[in-house]
Protein backbone atom coordinates (compact mmCIF):
# COMPACT_ATOMS: atom_id res chain seq x y z
CA UNK A 1 31.19 -14.98 30.02
CA UNK A 2 29.97 -14.83 33.59
CA UNK A 3 30.36 -11.78 35.79
CA UNK A 4 32.59 -13.84 38.11
CA UNK A 5 35.29 -13.94 35.44
CA UNK A 6 35.41 -10.18 34.93
CA UNK A 7 37.42 -7.67 36.92
CA UNK A 8 36.23 -4.22 37.99
CA UNK A 9 37.02 -2.84 34.51
CA UNK A 10 34.81 -5.45 32.87
CA UNK A 11 37.78 -7.35 31.47
CA UNK A 12 38.55 -11.06 31.83
CA UNK A 13 40.42 -11.54 35.12
CA UNK A 14 42.99 -14.08 33.94
CA UNK A 15 45.17 -14.10 37.04
CA UNK A 16 42.25 -14.78 39.38
CA UNK A 17 40.87 -17.46 37.06
CA UNK A 18 44.20 -19.30 36.84
CA UNK A 19 44.66 -19.15 40.61
CA UNK A 20 41.13 -20.47 41.14
CA UNK A 21 41.69 -23.22 38.54
CA UNK A 22 45.00 -24.26 40.08
CA UNK A 23 43.31 -24.31 43.51
CA UNK A 24 40.41 -26.43 42.24
CA UNK A 25 37.92 -23.65 42.97
CA UNK A 26 36.29 -23.07 39.58
CA UNK A 27 32.88 -24.16 38.42
CA UNK A 28 32.53 -26.16 35.24
CA UNK A 29 31.34 -23.01 33.45
CA UNK A 30 34.35 -21.01 34.68
CA UNK A 31 36.67 -23.86 33.65
CA UNK A 32 35.28 -23.87 30.11
CA UNK A 33 35.41 -20.06 29.90
CA UNK A 34 39.02 -20.05 31.10
CA UNK A 35 40.20 -22.59 28.56
CA UNK A 36 38.23 -21.01 25.72
CA UNK A 37 39.88 -17.69 26.59
CA UNK A 38 43.32 -19.32 26.71
CA UNK A 39 42.76 -20.91 23.30
CA UNK A 40 41.28 -17.75 21.76
CA UNK A 41 44.28 -15.68 22.88
CA UNK A 42 46.89 -18.34 22.16
CA UNK A 43 47.96 -18.38 25.79
CA UNK A 44 47.11 -22.07 26.14
CA UNK A 45 50.28 -22.83 24.18
CA UNK A 46 52.46 -20.23 25.90
CA UNK A 47 51.79 -21.30 29.49
CA UNK A 48 53.20 -24.50 30.98
CA UNK A 49 52.63 -27.54 28.81
CA UNK A 50 49.72 -28.98 30.74
CA UNK A 51 47.51 -26.06 29.67
CA UNK A 52 48.11 -26.68 25.99
CA UNK A 53 47.68 -30.43 26.33
CA UNK A 54 44.40 -30.01 28.20
CA UNK A 55 43.22 -27.42 25.67
CA UNK A 56 43.85 -29.93 22.86
CA UNK A 57 41.81 -32.58 24.71
CA UNK A 58 38.95 -30.12 25.30
CA UNK A 59 38.97 -29.11 21.62
CA UNK A 60 39.01 -32.74 20.55
CA UNK A 61 36.04 -33.52 22.79
CA UNK A 62 34.09 -30.51 21.53
CA UNK A 63 34.03 -28.80 24.94
CA UNK A 64 35.69 -25.67 23.54
CA UNK A 65 36.25 -24.41 20.01
CA UNK A 66 39.55 -24.50 18.16
CA UNK A 67 41.24 -21.15 17.60
CA UNK A 68 40.34 -19.31 14.43
CA UNK A 69 43.21 -19.09 11.97
CA UNK A 70 45.28 -15.97 12.34
CA UNK A 71 44.14 -15.12 15.87
CA UNK A 72 46.80 -16.78 17.99
């Protein structure tokens, strides 16, 4: 995970990443990191439907990994 995706506490800055994604201001690396994080935490399927649908496409194309059983 790149430093740009971490907040001052060293944690993933989800709010800033989603705002940047929605504004079209993320790099490809940040995009992949965001969606991998959303899948890993299960948030991809709790946010609006487009996040889950895109996560499924990215998993299917091998861009990100599917969630491990029991994690989300």
